[in-house]
Amino acid sequence: MRKKGYIKWYSFENGYGFVTAEIDDKETDVFIHYSDLKNTFWRLVEGDLVEFDLIYIQDRKKATNICLI
């Protein structure tokens, strides 16, 4: 399912961070990894609006197919 959210923080050096999105009617932080970025060239900054697919891995939320909007 496609979701939209804002970059909470992203570490270019470490290649991961979190996006804040509304999921199940509440704001939730979702893990992001550089390998799931599609058109961003790994240049994400706090506040960027992104769209992504939400998946669950061991009951944890992860964003895939992440695109800047």
Protein backbone atom coordinates (compact mmCIF):
# COMPACT_ATOMS: atom_id res chain seq x y z
CA MET A 1 0.00 0.00 0.00
CA ARG A 2 1.39 3.43 -0.98
CA LYS A 3 1.78 5.95 1.84
CA LYS A 4 3.01 9.53 2.09
CA GLY A 5 5.12 11.00 4.84
CA TYR A 6 7.87 13.43 5.79
CA ILE A 7 11.52 12.65 6.42
CA LYS A 8 12.08 12.83 10.18
CA TRP A 9 15.83 12.34 9.82
CA TYR A 10 18.20 10.62 7.43
CA SER A 11 21.92 9.90 7.77
CA PHE A 12 23.71 10.00 4.42
CA GLU A 13 26.83 8.54 6.06
CA ASN A 14 24.99 5.56 7.54
CA GLY A 15 22.41 5.15 4.78
CA TYR A 16 19.28 4.97 6.91
CA GLY A 17 16.74 7.06 8.77
CA PHE A 18 13.04 7.44 9.48
CA VAL A 19 9.98 8.89 7.80
CA THR A 20 6.93 10.01 9.79
CA ALA A 21 3.63 8.95 8.25
CA GLU A 22 0.01 8.60 9.29
CA ILE A 23 -0.71 4.89 9.62
CA ASP A 24 -3.86 3.51 11.22
CA ASP A 25 -4.96 7.06 12.11
CA LYS A 26 -1.82 7.92 14.11
CA GLU A 27 1.62 9.34 13.32
CA THR A 28 4.20 6.58 13.14
CA ASP A 29 7.93 6.49 12.43
CA VAL A 30 8.89 4.11 9.63
CA PHE A 31 12.45 2.85 8.97
CA ILE A 32 14.06 3.74 5.63
CA HIS A 33 17.26 2.36 4.05
CA TYR A 34 19.21 3.78 1.13
CA SER A 35 18.72 0.58 -0.90
CA ASP A 36 14.98 1.38 -1.07
CA LEU A 37 15.39 4.91 -2.50
CA LYS A 38 14.21 5.17 -6.11
CA ASN A 39 14.74 8.72 -7.39
CA THR A 40 16.41 10.61 -4.57
CA PHE A 41 20.11 9.95 -5.16
CA TRP A 42 20.34 9.43 -1.38
CA ARG A 43 19.87 13.17 -0.77
CA LEU A 44 17.08 13.29 1.77
CA VAL A 45 16.72 16.12 4.25
CA GLU A 46 14.41 16.65 7.18
CA GLY A 47 10.95 17.68 6.02
CA ASP A 48 11.14 16.22 2.48
CA LEU A 49 7.80 14.78 1.37
CA VAL A 50 8.08 11.19 0.15
CA GLU A 51 5.81 8.42 -1.08
CA PHE A 52 6.58 4.77 -0.30
CA ASP A 53 5.28 1.23 -0.02
CA LEU A 54 4.82 0.06 3.54
CA ILE A 55 5.91 -3.46 4.47
CA TYR A 56 6.24 -5.29 7.77
CA ILE A 57 9.35 -7.26 8.71
CA GLN A 58 9.14 -9.09 12.02
CA ASP A 59 6.30 -6.80 13.14
CA ARG A 60 8.34 -3.67 12.33
CA LYS A 61 7.39 -1.12 9.70
CA LYS A 62 9.75 -0.51 6.77
CA ALA A 63 9.44 1.77 3.74
CA THR A 64 10.34 0.47 0.27
CA ASN A 65 10.21 2.03 -3.22
CA ILE A 66 10.73 5.48 -1.69
CA CYS A 67 10.27 8.45 -4.05
CA LEU A 68 10.48 12.19 -3.46
CA ILE A 69 7.25 14.02 -4.23
